[in-house]
């Protein structure tokens, strides 16, 4: 089982950065293609699991952090949206970046709380 700090680092390295890179490549996919859907589902399944695990672990430590439970839930929702939007490119850049910065802010706050800086 991973520590909260390991999960935060993995979310930064794996989910957040990859989503931004994928979105900026701007390679929209056919939303009706079942093979593409299966491929995306396969690729994102570990990320969704990591996000779920992160949410549980963060909620378990919420009393030590400077974030509120609703921020944790919203961050989970936003990460899931980022994942999907990065594949389907179905939102404007401004909205995508708002989600990205929101997740980035909360993860940075948690990272600071954990490291004590």
PDB file of N, CA and C in Angstrom:
ATOM      1  N   UNK A   1       0.841  -1.185   0.000  1.00  0.00           N
ATOM      2  CA  UNK A   1       0.000   0.000   0.000  1.00  0.00           C
ATOM      3  C   UNK A   1       0.880   1.240   0.000  1.00  0.00           C
ATOM      4  N   UNK A   2       0.502   2.190  -0.810  1.00  0.00           N
ATOM      5  CA  UNK A   2       1.279   3.409  -0.957  1.00  0.00           C
ATOM      6  C   UNK A   2       0.943   4.412   0.145  1.00  0.00           C
ATOM      7  N   UNK A   3       1.911   5.257   0.437  1.00  0.00           N
ATOM      8  CA  UNK A   3       1.657   6.338   1.380  1.00  0.00           C
ATOM      9  C   UNK A   3       0.964   7.475   0.630  1.00  0.00           C
ATOM     10  N   UNK A   4       0.408   8.394   1.384  1.00  0.00           N
ATOM     11  CA  UNK A   4      -0.267   9.535   0.777  1.00  0.00           C
ATOM     12  C   UNK A   4       0.710  10.336  -0.074  1.00  0.00           C
ATOM     13  N   UNK A   5       1.912  10.511   0.423  1.00  0.00           N
ATOM     14  CA  UNK A   5       2.911  11.278  -0.330  1.00  0.00           C
ATOM     15  C   UNK A   5       3.241  10.598  -1.660  1.00  0.00           C
ATOM     16  N   UNK A   6       3.376   9.291  -1.653  1.00  0.00           N
ATOM     17  CA  UNK A   6       3.655   8.563  -2.893  1.00  0.00           C
ATOM     18  C   UNK A   6       2.505   8.718  -3.882  1.00  0.00           C
ATOM     19  N   UNK A   7       1.280   8.674  -3.360  1.00  0.00           N
ATOM     20  CA  UNK A   7       0.121   8.829  -4.240  1.00  0.00           C
ATOM     21  C   UNK A   7       0.078  10.222  -4.851  1.00  0.00           C
ATOM     22  N   UNK A   8       0.353  11.244  -4.036  1.00  0.00           N
ATOM     23  CA  UNK A   8       0.352  12.621  -4.552  1.00  0.00           C
ATOM     24  C   UNK A   8       1.396  12.762  -5.650  1.00  0.00           C
ATOM     25  N   UNK A   9       2.588  12.239  -5.423  1.00  0.00           N
ATOM     26  CA  UNK A   9       3.655  12.312  -6.426  1.00  0.00           C
ATOM     27  C   UNK A   9       3.248  11.566  -7.696  1.00  0.00           C
ATOM     28  N   UNK A  10       2.643  10.421  -7.532  1.00  0.00           N
ATOM     29  CA  UNK A  10       2.210   9.639  -8.686  1.00  0.00           C
ATOM     30  C   UNK A  10       1.100  10.363  -9.449  1.00  0.00           C
ATOM     31  N   UNK A  11       0.202  11.015  -8.734  1.00  0.00           N
ATOM     32  CA  UNK A  11      -0.854  11.779  -9.407  1.00  0.00           C
ATOM     33  C   UNK A  11      -0.252  12.923 -10.216  1.00  0.00           C
ATOM     34  N   UNK A  12       0.757  13.569  -9.663  1.00  0.00           N
ATOM     35  CA  UNK A  12       1.438  14.622 -10.413  1.00  0.00           C
ATOM     36  C   UNK A  12       2.107  14.065 -11.662  1.00  0.00           C
ATOM     37  N   UNK A  13       2.906  13.020 -11.458  1.00  0.00           N
ATOM     38  CA  UNK A  13       3.711  12.484 -12.557  1.00  0.00           C
ATOM     39  C   UNK A  13       2.885  11.751 -13.596  1.00  0.00           C
ATOM     40  N   UNK A  14       1.926  10.999 -13.123  1.00  0.00           N
ATOM     41  CA  UNK A  14       1.192  10.124 -14.026  1.00  0.00           C
ATOM     42  C   UNK A  14      -0.079  10.764 -14.569  1.00  0.00           C
ATOM     43  N   UNK A  15      -0.898  11.261 -13.693  1.00  0.00           N
ATOM     44  CA  UNK A  15      -2.213  11.731 -14.130  1.00  0.00           C
ATOM     45  C   UNK A  15      -2.151  13.165 -14.644  1.00  0.00           C
ATOM     46  N   UNK A  16      -1.733  14.080 -13.795  1.00  0.00           N
ATOM     47  CA  UNK A  16      -1.790  15.494 -14.145  1.00  0.00           C
ATOM     48  C   UNK A  16      -0.925  15.827 -15.360  1.00  0.00           C
ATOM     49  N   UNK A  17       0.331  15.444 -15.328  1.00  0.00           N
ATOM     50  CA  UNK A  17       1.226  15.811 -16.431  1.00  0.00           C
ATOM     51  C   UNK A  17       0.837  15.110 -17.734  1.00  0.00           C
ATOM     52  N   UNK A  18       0.454  13.837 -17.643  1.00  0.00           N
ATOM     53  CA  UNK A  18       0.062  13.114 -18.853  1.00  0.00           C
ATOM     54  C   UNK A  18      -1.224  13.666 -19.454  1.00  0.00           C
ATOM     55  N   UNK A  19      -2.149  14.068 -18.600  1.00  0.00           N
ATOM     56  CA  UNK A  19      -3.399  14.641 -19.105  1.00  0.00           C
ATOM     57  C   UNK A  19      -3.131  15.928 -19.869  1.00  0.00           C
ATOM     58  N   UNK A  20      -2.297  16.771 -19.290  1.00  0.00           N
ATOM     59  CA  UNK A  20      -1.971  18.035 -19.951  1.00  0.00           C
ATOM     60  C   UNK A  20      -1.267  17.783 -21.281  1.00  0.00           C
ATOM     61  N   UNK A  21      -0.301  16.886 -21.294  1.00  0.00           N
ATOM     62  CA  UNK A  21       0.414  16.562 -22.537  1.00  0.00           C
ATOM     63  C   UNK A  21      -0.538  16.020 -23.602  1.00  0.00           C
ATOM     64  N   UNK A  22      -1.397  15.111 -23.199  1.00  0.00           N
ATOM     65  CA  UNK A  22      -2.346  14.502 -24.134  1.00  0.00           C
ATOM     66  C   UNK A  22      -3.316  15.550 -24.681  1.00  0.00           C
ATOM     67  N   UNK A  23      -3.797  16.412 -23.803  1.00  0.00           N
ATOM     68  CA  UNK A  23      -4.731  17.455 -24.241  1.00  0.00           C
ATOM     69  C   UNK A  23      -4.052  18.405 -25.225  1.00  0.00           C
ATOM     70  N   UNK A  24      -2.812  18.760 -24.940  1.00  0.00           N
ATOM     71  CA  UNK A  24      -2.111  19.706 -25.805  1.00  0.00           C
ATOM     72  C   UNK A  24      -1.715  19.095 -27.142  1.00  0.00           C
ATOM     73  N   UNK A  25      -1.580  17.774 -27.204  1.00  0.00           N
ATOM     74  CA  UNK A  25      -1.335  17.119 -28.498  1.00  0.00           C
ATOM     75  C   UNK A  25      -2.561  17.262 -29.400  1.00  0.00           C
ATOM     76  N   UNK A  26      -3.705  17.427 -28.751  1.00  0.00           N
ATOM     77  CA  UNK A  26      -4.959  17.702 -29.462  1.00  0.00           C
ATOM     78  C   UNK A  26      -5.262  16.655 -30.528  1.00  0.00           C
ATOM     79  N   UNK A  27      -5.326  15.420 -30.081  1.00  0.00           N
ATOM     80  CA  UNK A  27      -5.666  14.320 -30.972  1.00  0.00           C
ATOM     81  C   UNK A  27      -7.043  13.775 -30.592  1.00  0.00           C
ATOM     82  N   UNK A  28      -8.090  14.422 -31.067  1.00  0.00           N
ATOM     83  CA  UNK A  28      -9.427  13.957 -30.699  1.00  0.00           C
ATOM     84  C   UNK A  28      -9.693  12.543 -31.210  1.00  0.00           C
ATOM     85  N   UNK A  29     -10.515  11.836 -30.478  1.00  0.00           N
ATOM     86  CA  UNK A  29     -10.856  10.464 -30.846  1.00  0.00           C
ATOM     87  C   UNK A  29     -12.317  10.382 -31.264  1.00  0.00           C
ATOM     88  N   UNK A  30     -12.620   9.339 -31.977  1.00  0.00           N
ATOM     89  CA  UNK A  30     -13.996   9.094 -32.393  1.00  0.00           C
ATOM     90  C   UNK A  30     -14.781   8.559 -31.193  1.00  0.00           C
ATOM     91  N   UNK A  31     -15.729   9.312 -30.736  1.00  0.00           N
ATOM     92  CA  UNK A  31     -16.491   8.960 -29.533  1.00  0.00           C
ATOM     93  C   UNK A  31     -17.389   7.745 -29.742  1.00  0.00           C
ATOM     94  N   UNK A  32     -17.628   7.394 -30.971  1.00  0.00           N
ATOM     95  CA  UNK A  32     -18.528   6.272 -31.262  1.00  0.00           C
ATOM     96  C   UNK A  32     -17.785   4.968 -31.535  1.00  0.00           C
ATOM     97  N   UNK A  33     -16.470   5.021 -31.579  1.00  0.00           N
ATOM     98  CA  UNK A  33     -15.662   3.848 -31.867  1.00  0.00           C
ATOM     99  C   UNK A  33     -15.478   3.014 -30.602  1.00  0.00           C
ATOM    100  N   UNK A  34     -16.033   1.817 -30.586  1.00  0.00           N
ATOM    101  CA  UNK A  34     -15.986   0.967 -29.402  1.00  0.00           C
ATOM    102  C   UNK A  34     -14.571   0.503 -29.075  1.00  0.00           C
ATOM    103  N   UNK A  35     -13.752   0.270 -30.088  1.00  0.00           N
ATOM    104  CA  UNK A  35     -12.367  -0.132 -29.847  1.00  0.00           C
ATOM    105  C   UNK A  35     -11.588   0.969 -29.145  1.00  0.00           C
ATOM    106  N   UNK A  36     -11.819   2.196 -29.547  1.00  0.00           N
ATOM    107  CA  UNK A  36     -11.163   3.338 -28.904  1.00  0.00           C
ATOM    108  C   UNK A  36     -11.636   3.447 -27.456  1.00  0.00           C
ATOM    109  N   UNK A  37     -12.911   3.273 -27.244  1.00  0.00           N
ATOM    110  CA  UNK A  37     -13.461   3.325 -25.887  1.00  0.00           C
ATOM    111  C   UNK A  37     -12.805   2.263 -25.005  1.00  0.00           C
ATOM    112  N   UNK A  38     -12.685   1.049 -25.512  1.00  0.00           N
ATOM    113  CA  UNK A  38     -12.061  -0.040 -24.739  1.00  0.00           C
ATOM    114  C   UNK A  38     -10.595   0.274 -24.435  1.00  0.00           C
ATOM    115  N   UNK A  39      -9.901   0.830 -25.414  1.00  0.00           N
ATOM    116  CA  UNK A  39      -8.496   1.199 -25.218  1.00  0.00           C
ATOM    117  C   UNK A  39      -8.363   2.269 -24.137  1.00  0.00           C
ATOM    118  N   UNK A  40      -9.207   3.278 -24.201  1.00  0.00           N
ATOM    119  CA  UNK A  40      -9.172   4.365 -23.209  1.00  0.00           C
ATOM    120  C   UNK A  40      -9.527   3.821 -21.834  1.00  0.00           C
ATOM    121  N   UNK A  41     -10.528   2.961 -21.782  1.00  0.00           N
ATOM    122  CA  UNK A  41     -10.921   2.364 -20.507  1.00  0.00           C
ATOM    123  C   UNK A  41      -9.773   1.574 -19.894  1.00  0.00           C
ATOM    124  N   UNK A  42      -9.074   0.820 -20.723  1.00  0.00           N
ATOM    125  CA  UNK A  42      -7.926   0.048 -20.266  1.00  0.00           C
ATOM    126  C   UNK A  42      -6.814   0.957 -19.740  1.00  0.00           C
ATOM    127  N   UNK A  43      -6.525   2.026 -20.478  1.00  0.00           N
ATOM    128  CA  UNK A  43      -5.455   2.948 -20.103  1.00  0.00           C
ATOM    129  C   UNK A  43      -5.785   3.732 -18.837  1.00  0.00           C
ATOM    130  N   UNK A  44      -7.040   4.094 -18.665  1.00  0.00           N
ATOM    131  CA  UNK A  44      -7.407   4.962 -17.546  1.00  0.00           C
ATOM    132  C   UNK A  44      -7.799   4.205 -16.287  1.00  0.00           C
ATOM    133  N   UNK A  45      -8.088   2.938 -16.403  1.00  0.00           N
ATOM    134  CA  UNK A  45      -8.527   2.172 -15.240  1.00  0.00           C
ATOM    135  C   UNK A  45      -7.565   2.258 -14.056  1.00  0.00           C
ATOM    136  N   UNK A  46      -6.248   2.085 -14.261  1.00  0.00           N
ATOM    137  CA  UNK A  46      -5.329   2.223 -13.114  1.00  0.00           C
ATOM    138  C   UNK A  46      -5.337   3.640 -12.527  1.00  0.00           C
ATOM    139  N   UNK A  47      -5.519   4.637 -13.382  1.00  0.00           N
ATOM    140  CA  UNK A  47      -5.557   6.016 -12.898  1.00  0.00           C
ATOM    141  C   UNK A  47      -6.800   6.276 -12.053  1.00  0.00           C
ATOM    142  N   UNK A  48      -7.933   5.762 -12.499  1.00  0.00           N
ATOM    143  CA  UNK A  48      -9.153   5.924 -11.713  1.00  0.00           C
ATOM    144  C   UNK A  48      -9.021   5.216 -10.364  1.00  0.00           C
ATOM    145  N   UNK A  49      -8.386   4.065 -10.365  1.00  0.00           N
ATOM    146  CA  UNK A  49      -8.154   3.349  -9.104  1.00  0.00           C
ATOM    147  C   UNK A  49      -7.241   4.145  -8.181  1.00  0.00           C
ATOM    148  N   UNK A  50      -6.194   4.720  -8.744  1.00  0.00           N
ATOM    149  CA  UNK A  50      -5.274   5.540  -7.960  1.00  0.00           C
ATOM    150  C   UNK A  50      -5.992   6.752  -7.380  1.00  0.00           C
ATOM    151  N   UNK A  51      -6.824   7.385  -8.160  1.00  0.00           N
ATOM    152  CA  UNK A  51      -7.573   8.554  -7.690  1.00  0.00           C
ATOM    153  C   UNK A  51      -8.500   8.157  -6.551  1.00  0.00           C
ATOM    154  N   UNK A  52      -9.169   7.034  -6.682  1.00  0.00           N
ATOM    155  CA  UNK A  52     -10.067   6.560  -5.630  1.00  0.00           C
ATOM    156  C   UNK A  52      -9.292   6.257  -4.348  1.00  0.00           C
ATOM    157  N   UNK A  53      -8.157   5.581  -4.503  1.00  0.00           N
ATOM    158  CA  UNK A  53      -7.328   5.254  -3.349  1.00  0.00           C
ATOM    159  C   UNK A  53      -6.797   6.530  -2.684  1.00  0.00           C
ATOM    160  N   UNK A  54      -6.381   7.494  -3.520  1.00  0.00           N
ATOM    161  CA  UNK A  54      -5.900   8.779  -3.005  1.00  0.00           C
ATOM    162  C   UNK A  54      -6.983   9.477  -2.178  1.00  0.00           C
ATOM    163  N   UNK A  55      -8.213   9.474  -2.689  1.00  0.00           N
ATOM    164  CA  UNK A  55      -9.307  10.128  -1.976  1.00  0.00           C
ATOM    165  C   UNK A  55      -9.513   9.491  -0.598  1.00  0.00           C
ATOM    166  N   UNK A  56      -9.524   8.176  -0.536  1.00  0.00           N
ATOM    167  CA  UNK A  56      -9.716   7.486   0.744  1.00  0.00           C
ATOM    168  C   UNK A  56      -8.596   7.817   1.715  1.00  0.00           C
ATOM    169  N   UNK A  57      -7.361   7.762   1.231  1.00  0.00           N
ATOM    170  CA  UNK A  57      -6.202   8.025   2.090  1.00  0.00           C
ATOM    171  C   UNK A  57      -6.183   9.486   2.545  1.00  0.00           C
ATOM    172  N   UNK A  58      -6.520  10.388   1.670  1.00  0.00           N
ATOM    173  CA  UNK A  58      -6.540  11.813   2.020  1.00  0.00           C
ATOM    174  C   UNK A  58      -7.624  12.094   3.035  1.00  0.00           C
ATOM    175  N   UNK A  59      -8.783  11.500   2.861  1.00  0.00           N
ATOM    176  CA  UNK A  59      -9.863  11.681   3.844  1.00  0.00           C
ATOM    177  C   UNK A  59      -9.467  11.124   5.207  1.00  0.00           C
ATOM    178  N   UNK A  60      -8.672  10.073   5.218  1.00  0.00           N
ATOM    179  CA  UNK A  60      -8.216   9.497   6.486  1.00  0.00           C
ATOM    180  C   UNK A  60      -7.252  10.430   7.208  1.00  0.00           C
ATOM    181  N   UNK A  61      -6.581  11.307   6.459  1.00  0.00           N
ATOM    182  CA  UNK A  61      -5.610  12.239   7.045  1.00  0.00           C
ATOM    183  C   UNK A  61      -6.098  13.684   7.040  1.00  0.00           C
ATOM    184  N   UNK A  62      -7.369  13.896   6.742  1.00  0.00           N
ATOM    185  CA  UNK A  62      -7.873  15.256   6.557  1.00  0.00           C
ATOM    186  C   UNK A  62      -7.670  16.128   7.799  1.00  0.00           C
ATOM    187  N   UNK A  63      -7.673  15.521   8.990  1.00  0.00           N
ATOM    188  CA  UNK A  63      -7.476  16.292  10.221  1.00  0.00           C
ATOM    189  C   UNK A  63      -6.072  16.861  10.338  1.00  0.00           C
ATOM    190  N   UNK A  64      -5.116  16.333   9.562  1.00  0.00           N
ATOM    191  CA  UNK A  64      -3.732  16.813   9.574  1.00  0.00           C
ATOM    192  C   UNK A  64      -3.439  17.765   8.418  1.00  0.00           C
ATOM    193  N   UNK A  65      -4.408  17.949   7.545  1.00  0.00           N
ATOM    194  CA  UNK A  65      -4.190  18.724   6.325  1.00  0.00           C
ATOM    195  C   UNK A  65      -4.960  20.044   6.372  1.00  0.00           C
ATOM    196  N   UNK A  66      -4.535  20.961   5.537  1.00  0.00           N
ATOM    197  CA  UNK A  66      -5.216  22.255   5.481  1.00  0.00           C
ATOM    198  C   UNK A  66      -6.226  22.315   4.331  1.00  0.00           C
ATOM    199  N   UNK A  67      -6.791  21.176   3.993  1.00  0.00           N
ATOM    200  CA  UNK A  67      -7.858  21.109   3.002  1.00  0.00           C
ATOM    201  C   UNK A  67      -9.096  20.519   3.665  1.00  0.00           C
ATOM    202  N   UNK A  68     -10.221  20.813   3.093  1.00  0.00           N
ATOM    203  CA  UNK A  68     -11.492  20.350   3.635  1.00  0.00           C
ATOM    204  C   UNK A  68     -11.993  19.140   2.847  1.00  0.00           C
ATOM    205  N   UNK A  69     -12.855  18.336   3.461  1.00  0.00           N
ATOM    206  CA  UNK A  69     -13.375  17.148   2.768  1.00  0.00           C
ATOM    207  C   UNK A  69     -14.023  17.459   1.417  1.00  0.00           C
ATOM    208  N   UNK A  70     -14.719  18.584   1.326  1.00  0.00           N
ATOM    209  CA  UNK A  70     -15.347  18.904   0.039  1.00  0.00           C
ATOM    210  C   UNK A  70     -14.297  19.223  -1.030  1.00  0.00           C
ATOM    211  N   UNK A  71     -13.134  19.759  -0.630  1.00  0.00           N
ATOM    212  CA  UNK A  71     -12.058  20.001  -1.589  1.00  0.00           C
ATOM    213  C   UNK A  71     -11.481  18.683  -2.095  1.00  0.00           C
ATOM    214  N   UNK A  72     -11.414  17.723  -1.216  1.00  0.00           N
ATOM    215  CA  UNK A  72     -10.904  16.404  -1.605  1.00  0.00           C
ATOM    216  C   UNK A  72     -11.857  15.768  -2.625  1.00  0.00           C
ATOM    217  N   UNK A  73     -13.146  15.811  -2.346  1.00  0.00           N
ATOM    218  CA  UNK A  73     -14.140  15.253  -3.265  1.00  0.00           C
ATOM    219  C   UNK A  73     -14.116  15.990  -4.606  1.00  0.00           C
ATOM    220  N   UNK A  74     -14.056  17.320  -4.556  1.00  0.00           N
ATOM    221  CA  UNK A  74     -14.018  18.104  -5.794  1.00  0.00           C
ATOM    222  C   UNK A  74     -12.749  17.822  -6.593  1.00  0.00           C
ATOM    223  N   UNK A  75     -11.651  17.627  -5.899  1.00  0.00           N
ATOM    224  CA  UNK A  75     -10.395  17.325  -6.585  1.00  0.00           C
ATOM    225  C   UNK A  75     -10.471  15.966  -7.266  1.00  0.00           C
ATOM    226  N   UNK A  76     -11.074  15.012  -6.590  1.00  0.00           N
ATOM    227  CA  UNK A  76     -11.259  13.699  -7.234  1.00  0.00           C
ATOM    228  C   UNK A  76     -12.103  13.852  -8.500  1.00  0.00           C
ATOM    229  N   UNK A  77     -13.213  14.548  -8.380  1.00  0.00           N
ATOM    230  CA  UNK A  77     -14.086  14.753  -9.536  1.00  0.00           C
ATOM    231  C   UNK A  77     -13.341  15.458 -10.671  1.00  0.00           C
ATOM    232  N   UNK A  78     -12.571  16.474 -10.319  1.00  0.00           N
ATOM    233  CA  UNK A  78     -11.830  17.232 -11.330  1.00  0.00           C
ATOM    234  C   UNK A  78     -10.751  16.388 -11.996  1.00  0.00           C
ATOM    235  N   UNK A  79     -10.078  15.536 -11.232  1.00  0.00           N
ATOM    236  CA  UNK A  79      -9.066  14.654 -11.830  1.00  0.00           C
ATOM    237  C   UNK A  79      -9.708  13.681 -12.809  1.00  0.00           C
ATOM    238  N   UNK A  80     -10.859  13.162 -12.434  1.00  0.00           N
ATOM    239  CA  UNK A  80     -11.558  12.239 -13.331  1.00  0.00           C
ATOM    240  C   UNK A  80     -11.992  12.953 -14.606  1.00  0.00           C
ATOM    241  N   UNK A  81     -12.466  14.183 -14.458  1.00  0.00           N
ATOM    242  CA  UNK A  81     -12.837  14.966 -15.636  1.00  0.00           C
ATOM    243  C   UNK A  81     -11.627  15.251 -16.518  1.00  0.00           C
ATOM    244  N   UNK A  82     -10.511  15.609 -15.890  1.00  0.00           N
ATOM    245  CA  UNK A  82      -9.285  15.855 -16.654  1.00  0.00           C
ATOM    246  C   UNK A  82      -8.888  14.632 -17.475  1.00  0.00           C
ATOM    247  N   UNK A  83      -8.969  13.486 -16.855  1.00  0.00           N
ATOM    248  CA  UNK A  83      -8.626  12.251 -17.561  1.00  0.00           C
ATOM    249  C   UNK A  83      -9.479  12.088 -18.817  1.00  0.00           C
ATOM    250  N   UNK A  84     -10.760  12.211 -18.644  1.00  0.00           N
ATOM    251  CA  UNK A  84     -11.661  12.008 -19.782  1.00  0.00           C
ATOM    252  C   UNK A  84     -11.518  13.100 -20.834  1.00  0.00           C
ATOM    253  N   UNK A  85     -11.447  14.344 -20.399  1.00  0.00           N
ATOM    254  CA  UNK A  85     -11.313  15.453 -21.352  1.00  0.00           C
ATOM    255  C   UNK A  85      -9.991  15.404 -22.110  1.00  0.00           C
ATOM    256  N   UNK A  86      -8.969  14.834 -21.497  1.00  0.00           N
ATOM    257  CA  UNK A  86      -7.683  14.765 -22.184  1.00  0.00           C
ATOM    258  C   UNK A  86      -7.724  13.791 -23.366  1.00  0.00           C
ATOM    259  N   UNK A  87      -8.608  12.834 -23.313  1.00  0.00           N
ATOM    260  CA  UNK A  87      -8.768  11.908 -24.430  1.00  0.00           C
ATOM    261  C   UNK A  87      -9.764  12.427 -25.461  1.00  0.00           C
ATOM    262  N   UNK A  88     -10.877  12.914 -24.977  1.00  0.00           N
ATOM    263  CA  UNK A  88     -11.961  13.272 -25.882  1.00  0.00           C
ATOM    264  C   UNK A  88     -11.916  14.716 -26.370  1.00  0.00           C
ATOM    265  N   UNK A  89     -11.074  15.533 -25.785  1.00  0.00           N
ATOM    266  CA  UNK A  89     -10.902  16.926 -26.206  1.00  0.00           C
ATOM    267  C   UNK A  89     -12.273  17.563 -26.478  1.00  0.00           C
ATOM    268  N   UNK A  90     -13.126  17.500 -25.484  1.00  0.00           N
ATOM    269  CA  UNK A  90     -14.494  18.000 -25.670  1.00  0.00           C
ATOM    270  C   UNK A  90     -14.808  19.222 -24.811  1.00  0.00           C
ATOM    271  N   UNK A  91     -13.770  19.881 -24.302  1.00  0.00           N
ATOM    272  CA  UNK A  91     -13.956  21.146 -23.601  1.00  0.00           C
ATOM    273  C   UNK A  91     -12.929  22.146 -24.134  1.00  0.00           C
ATOM    274  N   UNK A  92     -13.247  23.391 -23.970  1.00  0.00           N
ATOM    275  CA  UNK A  92     -12.311  24.438 -24.399  1.00  0.00           C
ATOM    276  C   UNK A  92     -11.094  24.437 -23.482  1.00  0.00           C
ATOM    277  N   UNK A  93     -10.015  24.954 -24.004  1.00  0.00           N
ATOM    278  CA  UNK A  93      -8.758  24.999 -23.259  1.00  0.00           C
ATOM    279  C   UNK A  93      -8.915  25.716 -21.929  1.00  0.00           C
ATOM    280  N   UNK A  94      -9.675  26.798 -21.914  1.00  0.00           N
ATOM    281  CA  UNK A  94      -9.853  27.568 -20.677  1.00  0.00           C
ATOM    282  C   UNK A  94     -10.443  26.680 -19.583  1.00  0.00           C
ATOM    283  N   UNK A  95     -11.473  25.927 -19.887  1.00  0.00           N
ATOM    284  CA  UNK A  95     -12.108  25.048 -18.901  1.00  0.00           C
ATOM    285  C   UNK A  95     -11.155  23.937 -18.468  1.00  0.00           C
ATOM    286  N   UNK A  96     -10.450  23.371 -19.415  1.00  0.00           N
ATOM    287  CA  UNK A  96      -9.496  22.317 -19.088  1.00  0.00           C
ATOM    288  C   UNK A  96      -8.435  22.851 -18.126  1.00  0.00           C
ATOM    289  N   UNK A  97      -7.924  24.032 -18.405  1.00  0.00           N
ATOM    290  CA  UNK A  97      -6.884  24.611 -17.567  1.00  0.00           C
ATOM    291  C   UNK A  97      -7.426  25.005 -16.184  1.00  0.00           C
ATOM    292  N   UNK A  98      -8.674  25.400 -16.103  1.00  0.00           N
ATOM    293  CA  UNK A  98      -9.283  25.682 -14.791  1.00  0.00           C
ATOM    294  C   UNK A  98      -9.302  24.415 -13.941  1.00  0.00           C
ATOM    295  N   UNK A  99      -9.696  23.308 -14.535  1.00  0.00           N
ATOM    296  CA  UNK A  99      -9.690  22.026 -13.827  1.00  0.00           C
ATOM    297  C   UNK A  99      -8.265  21.652 -13.419  1.00  0.00           C
ATOM    298  N   UNK A 100      -7.348  21.818 -14.360  1.00  0.00           N
ATOM    299  CA  UNK A 100      -5.948  21.477 -14.111  1.00  0.00           C
ATOM    300  C   UNK A 100      -5.391  22.280 -12.936  1.00  0.00           C
ATOM    301  N   UNK A 101      -5.596  23.583 -12.955  1.00  0.00           N
ATOM    302  CA  UNK A 101      -5.061  24.442 -11.894  1.00  0.00           C
ATOM    303  C   UNK A 101      -5.728  24.174 -10.552  1.00  0.00           C
ATOM    304  N   UNK A 102      -6.981  23.837 -10.577  1.00  0.00           N
ATOM    305  CA  UNK A 102      -7.688  23.503  -9.343  1.00  0.00           C
ATOM    306  C   UNK A 102      -7.084  22.256  -8.700  1.00  0.00           C
ATOM    307  N   UNK A 103      -6.866  21.227  -9.492  1.00  0.00           N
ATOM    308  CA  UNK A 103      -6.259  19.996  -8.988  1.00  0.00           C
ATOM    309  C   UNK A 103      -4.833  20.278  -8.530  1.00  0.00           C
ATOM    310  N   UNK A 104      -4.098  21.007  -9.328  1.00  0.00           N
ATOM    311  CA  UNK A 104      -2.718  21.351  -9.003  1.00  0.00           C
ATOM    312  C   UNK A 104      -2.635  22.078  -7.658  1.00  0.00           C
ATOM    313  N   UNK A 105      -3.521  23.020  -7.428  1.00  0.00           N
ATOM    314  CA  UNK A 105      -3.519  23.789  -6.178  1.00  0.00           C
ATOM    315  C   UNK A 105      -3.712  22.880  -4.965  1.00  0.00           C
ATOM    316  N   UNK A 106      -4.701  22.021  -5.019  1.00  0.00           N
ATOM    317  CA  UNK A 106      -4.999  21.148  -3.877  1.00  0.00           C
ATOM    318  C   UNK A 106      -3.864  20.144  -3.656  1.00  0.00           C
ATOM    319  N   UNK A 107      -3.351  19.556  -4.729  1.00  0.00           N
ATOM    320  CA  UNK A 107      -2.248  18.605  -4.573  1.00  0.00           C
ATOM    321  C   UNK A 107      -0.997  19.280  -4.006  1.00  0.00           C
ATOM    322  N   UNK A 108      -0.722  20.497  -4.439  1.00  0.00           N
ATOM    323  CA  UNK A 108       0.424  21.235  -3.886  1.00  0.00           C
ATOM    324  C   UNK A 108       0.217  21.519  -2.408  1.00  0.00           C
ATOM    325  N   UNK A 109      -1.001  21.874  -2.040  1.00  0.00           N
ATOM    326  CA  UNK A 109      -1.305  22.152  -0.639  1.00  0.00           C
ATOM    327  C   UNK A 109      -1.097  20.902   0.216  1.00  0.00           C
ATOM    328  N   UNK A 110      -1.574  19.784  -0.263  1.00  0.00           N
ATOM    329  CA  UNK A 110      -1.398  18.519   0.453  1.00  0.00           C
ATOM    330  C   UNK A 110       0.082  18.158   0.525  1.00  0.00           C
ATOM    331  N   UNK A 111       0.781  18.354  -0.574  1.00  0.00           N
ATOM    332  CA  UNK A 111       2.226  18.065  -0.594  1.00  0.00           C
ATOM    333  C   UNK A 111       2.954  18.912   0.460  1.00  0.00           C
ATOM    334  N   UNK A 112       2.610  20.173   0.550  1.00  0.00           N
ATOM    335  CA  UNK A 112       3.231  21.058   1.557  1.00  0.00           C
ATOM    336  C   UNK A 112       2.883  20.602   2.972  1.00  0.00           C
ATOM    337  N   UNK A 113       1.629  20.253   3.187  1.00  0.00           N
ATOM    338  CA  UNK A 113       1.210  19.794   4.509  1.00  0.00           C
ATOM    339  C   UNK A 113       1.956  18.538   4.944  1.00  0.00           C
ATOM    340  N   UNK A 114       2.146  17.624   3.991  1.00  0.00           N
ATOM    341  CA  UNK A 114       2.823  16.365   4.291  1.00  0.00           C
ATOM    342  C   UNK A 114       4.293  16.600   4.605  1.00  0.00           C
ATOM    343  N   UNK A 115       4.929  17.424   3.783  1.00  0.00           N
ATOM    344  CA  UNK A 115       6.366  17.641   3.953  1.00  0.00           C
ATOM    345  C   UNK A 115       6.681  18.610   5.093  1.00  0.00           C
ATOM    346  N   UNK A 116       5.665  19.353   5.554  1.00  0.00           N
ATOM    347  CA  UNK A 116       5.855  20.266   6.670  1.00  0.00           C
ATOM    348  C   UNK A 116       6.503  21.578   6.310  1.00  0.00           C
ATOM    349  N   UNK A 117       6.526  21.915   5.016  1.00  0.00           N
ATOM    350  CA  UNK A 117       7.120  23.187   4.605  1.00  0.00           C
ATOM    351  C   UNK A 117       6.064  24.227   4.365  1.00  0.00           C
TER     352      UNK A 117
END
